Amino acid sequence: MQFYLSNYIITIINLLFSTISKFAELYSILIVIRLSLGWLPKLNAFNEPYATLYGMVDPYLRFFRGMVPTIFGVDLSPVLGLLFLQNLIIIFEHVRMEIG
């Protein structure tokens, strides 16, 4: 009984870590799309679907906004946000591989 319970818990942990990792990958893609759209000058960010995308991504990016100074007028805080997400993905994938 103990063997089956431990396999069940390991499966749940693997599923949880895999889900978090995939969510972070998807969120990274959304951040890159949002940053790419920010460089388009005639794009109205208040129209859909852009407003929804900005609403999903901007609170996360705002967290990193004051941590990195702007260089030549370019805000580099999204780079820090993406690096954090990439490290989170790597950590969860390695832990998932070690457990499973």
C-alpha atoms as a PDB file:
ATOM      1  CA  MET A   1       0.000   0.000   0.000  1.00  0.00           C
ATOM      2  CA  GLN A   2       2.823   2.395   0.811  1.00  0.00           C
ATOM      3  CA  PHE A   3       4.392   1.853  -2.627  1.00  0.00           C
ATOM      4  CA  TYR A   4       1.187   2.756  -4.479  1.00  0.00           C
ATOM      5  CA  LEU A   5       0.608   5.827  -2.336  1.00  0.00           C
ATOM      6  CA  SER A   6       4.097   7.138  -2.986  1.00  0.00           C
ATOM      7  CA  ASN A   7       3.695   6.602  -6.744  1.00  0.00           C
ATOM      8  CA  TYR A   8       0.370   8.433  -6.589  1.00  0.00           C
ATOM      9  CA  ILE A   9       1.938  11.395  -4.786  1.00  0.00           C
ATOM     10  CA  ILE A  10       4.875  11.467  -7.203  1.00  0.00           C
ATOM     11  CA  THR A  11       2.448  11.506 -10.137  1.00  0.00           C
ATOM     12  CA  ILE A  12       0.518  14.403  -8.610  1.00  0.00           C
ATOM     13  CA  ILE A  13       3.719  16.369  -7.955  1.00  0.00           C
ATOM     14  CA  ASN A  14       4.923  15.719 -11.517  1.00  0.00           C
ATOM     15  CA  LEU A  15       1.599  16.900 -12.897  1.00  0.00           C
ATOM     16  CA  LEU A  16       1.653  20.006 -10.704  1.00  0.00           C
ATOM     17  CA  PHE A  17       5.212  20.961 -11.634  1.00  0.00           C
ATOM     18  CA  SER A  18       4.580  20.266 -15.312  1.00  0.00           C
ATOM     19  CA  THR A  19       1.465  22.460 -15.236  1.00  0.00           C
ATOM     20  CA  ILE A  20       3.311  25.329 -13.552  1.00  0.00           C
ATOM     21  CA  SER A  21       6.148  25.025 -16.053  1.00  0.00           C
ATOM     22  CA  LYS A  22       3.801  25.050 -19.060  1.00  0.00           C
ATOM     23  CA  PHE A  23       1.871  27.998 -17.636  1.00  0.00           C
ATOM     24  CA  ALA A  24       5.143  29.932 -17.232  1.00  0.00           C
ATOM     25  CA  GLU A  25       6.089  29.096 -20.834  1.00  0.00           C
ATOM     26  CA  LEU A  26       2.719  30.329 -22.103  1.00  0.00           C
ATOM     27  CA  TYR A  27       2.977  33.481 -19.988  1.00  0.00           C
ATOM     28  CA  SER A  28       6.468  34.122 -21.406  1.00  0.00           C
ATOM     29  CA  ILE A  29       5.033  33.929 -24.910  1.00  0.00           C
ATOM     30  CA  LEU A  30       2.271  36.378 -23.945  1.00  0.00           C
ATOM     31  CA  ILE A  31       4.901  38.784 -22.573  1.00  0.00           C
ATOM     32  CA  VAL A  32       6.907  38.616 -25.805  1.00  0.00           C
ATOM     33  CA  ILE A  33       3.738  39.248 -27.854  1.00  0.00           C
ATOM     34  CA  ARG A  34       2.818  42.199 -25.634  1.00  0.00           C
ATOM     35  CA  LEU A  35       6.318  43.663 -25.932  1.00  0.00           C
ATOM     36  CA  SER A  36       6.264  43.211 -29.700  1.00  0.00           C
ATOM     37  CA  LEU A  37       2.897  44.965 -29.951  1.00  0.00           C
ATOM     38  CA  GLY A  38       4.233  47.826 -27.830  1.00  0.00           C
ATOM     39  CA  TRP A  39       6.644  48.756 -30.614  1.00  0.00           C
ATOM     40  CA  LEU A  40       3.840  49.247 -33.150  1.00  0.00           C
ATOM     41  CA  PRO A  41       3.054  52.984 -33.156  1.00  0.00           C
ATOM     42  CA  LYS A  42      -0.483  52.936 -34.621  1.00  0.00           C
ATOM     43  CA  LEU A  43      -1.833  50.184 -32.416  1.00  0.00           C
ATOM     44  CA  ASN A  44      -4.665  51.208 -30.121  1.00  0.00           C
ATOM     45  CA  ALA A  45      -4.053  49.327 -26.871  1.00  0.00           C
ATOM     46  CA  PHE A  46      -7.594  50.030 -25.644  1.00  0.00           C
ATOM     47  CA  ASN A  47      -9.227  47.839 -28.309  1.00  0.00           C
ATOM     48  CA  GLU A  48      -9.757  44.124 -27.874  1.00  0.00           C
ATOM     49  CA  PRO A  49      -7.886  41.725 -27.814  1.00  0.00           C
ATOM     50  CA  TYR A  50      -4.976  44.019 -26.962  1.00  0.00           C
ATOM     51  CA  ALA A  51      -6.616  45.396 -23.816  1.00  0.00           C
ATOM     52  CA  THR A  52      -7.068  41.880 -22.451  1.00  0.00           C
ATOM     53  CA  LEU A  53      -3.475  40.977 -23.262  1.00  0.00           C
ATOM     54  CA  TYR A  54      -2.166  44.153 -21.641  1.00  0.00           C
ATOM     55  CA  GLY A  55      -4.397  43.547 -18.614  1.00  0.00           C
ATOM     56  CA  MET A  56      -3.003  40.037 -18.176  1.00  0.00           C
ATOM     57  CA  VAL A  57       0.675  40.892 -18.628  1.00  0.00           C
ATOM     58  CA  ASP A  58       1.126  44.444 -17.307  1.00  0.00           C
ATOM     59  CA  PRO A  59       0.602  43.691 -13.588  1.00  0.00           C
ATOM     60  CA  TYR A  60       3.456  41.172 -13.721  1.00  0.00           C
ATOM     61  CA  LEU A  61       5.716  43.547 -15.656  1.00  0.00           C
ATOM     62  CA  ARG A  62       4.857  46.412 -13.300  1.00  0.00           C
ATOM     63  CA  PHE A  63       6.353  44.380 -10.455  1.00  0.00           C
ATOM     64  CA  PHE A  64       9.794  44.547 -12.136  1.00  0.00           C
ATOM     65  CA  ARG A  65       9.482  48.100 -13.456  1.00  0.00           C
ATOM     66  CA  GLY A  66      11.437  49.860 -10.685  1.00  0.00           C
ATOM     67  CA  MET A  67      14.161  47.238 -10.352  1.00  0.00           C
ATOM     68  CA  VAL A  68      16.036  47.947 -13.576  1.00  0.00           C
ATOM     69  CA  PRO A  69      16.837  51.488 -14.715  1.00  0.00           C
ATOM     70  CA  THR A  70      15.993  52.599 -18.230  1.00  0.00           C
ATOM     71  CA  ILE A  71      18.934  52.703 -20.606  1.00  0.00           C
ATOM     72  CA  PHE A  72      18.717  55.204 -23.468  1.00  0.00           C
ATOM     73  CA  GLY A  73      14.964  55.453 -22.897  1.00  0.00           C
ATOM     74  CA  VAL A  74      14.390  51.704 -23.164  1.00  0.00           C
ATOM     75  CA  ASP A  75      12.731  49.967 -20.217  1.00  0.00           C
ATOM     76  CA  LEU A  76      14.614  46.737 -19.545  1.00  0.00           C
ATOM     77  CA  SER A  77      12.378  45.494 -16.738  1.00  0.00           C
ATOM     78  CA  PRO A  78      10.569  43.000 -19.042  1.00  0.00           C
ATOM     79  CA  VAL A  79      13.925  41.303 -19.592  1.00  0.00           C
ATOM     80  CA  LEU A  80      14.172  40.746 -15.842  1.00  0.00           C
ATOM     81  CA  GLY A  81      10.604  39.428 -15.790  1.00  0.00           C
ATOM     82  CA  LEU A  82      11.332  37.012 -18.634  1.00  0.00           C
ATOM     83  CA  LEU A  83      14.563  35.857 -16.978  1.00  0.00           C
ATOM     84  CA  PHE A  84      12.652  35.144 -13.780  1.00  0.00           C
ATOM     85  CA  LEU A  85      10.068  33.088 -15.672  1.00  0.00           C
ATOM     86  CA  GLN A  86      12.748  31.177 -17.570  1.00  0.00           C
ATOM     87  CA  ASN A  87      14.545  30.325 -14.332  1.00  0.00           C
ATOM     88  CA  LEU A  88      11.242  29.216 -12.821  1.00  0.00           C
ATOM     89  CA  ILE A  89      10.670  26.925 -15.810  1.00  0.00           C
ATOM     90  CA  ILE A  90      14.163  25.439 -15.499  1.00  0.00           C
ATOM     91  CA  ILE A  91      13.811  24.848 -11.750  1.00  0.00           C
ATOM     92  CA  PHE A  92      10.416  23.157 -12.041  1.00  0.00           C
ATOM     93  CA  GLU A  93      11.532  20.989 -14.958  1.00  0.00           C
ATOM     94  CA  HIS A  94      14.658  19.832 -13.108  1.00  0.00           C
ATOM     95  CA  VAL A  95      12.731  19.076  -9.917  1.00  0.00           C
ATOM     96  CA  ARG A  96      10.119  17.210 -11.943  1.00  0.00           C
ATOM     97  CA  MET A  97      12.820  15.115 -13.624  1.00  0.00           C
ATOM     98  CA  GLU A  98      14.499  14.347 -10.298  1.00  0.00           C
ATOM     99  CA  ILE A  99      11.250  13.202  -8.699  1.00  0.00           C
ATOM    100  CA  GLY A 100       9.917  11.227 -11.647  1.00  0.00           C
END
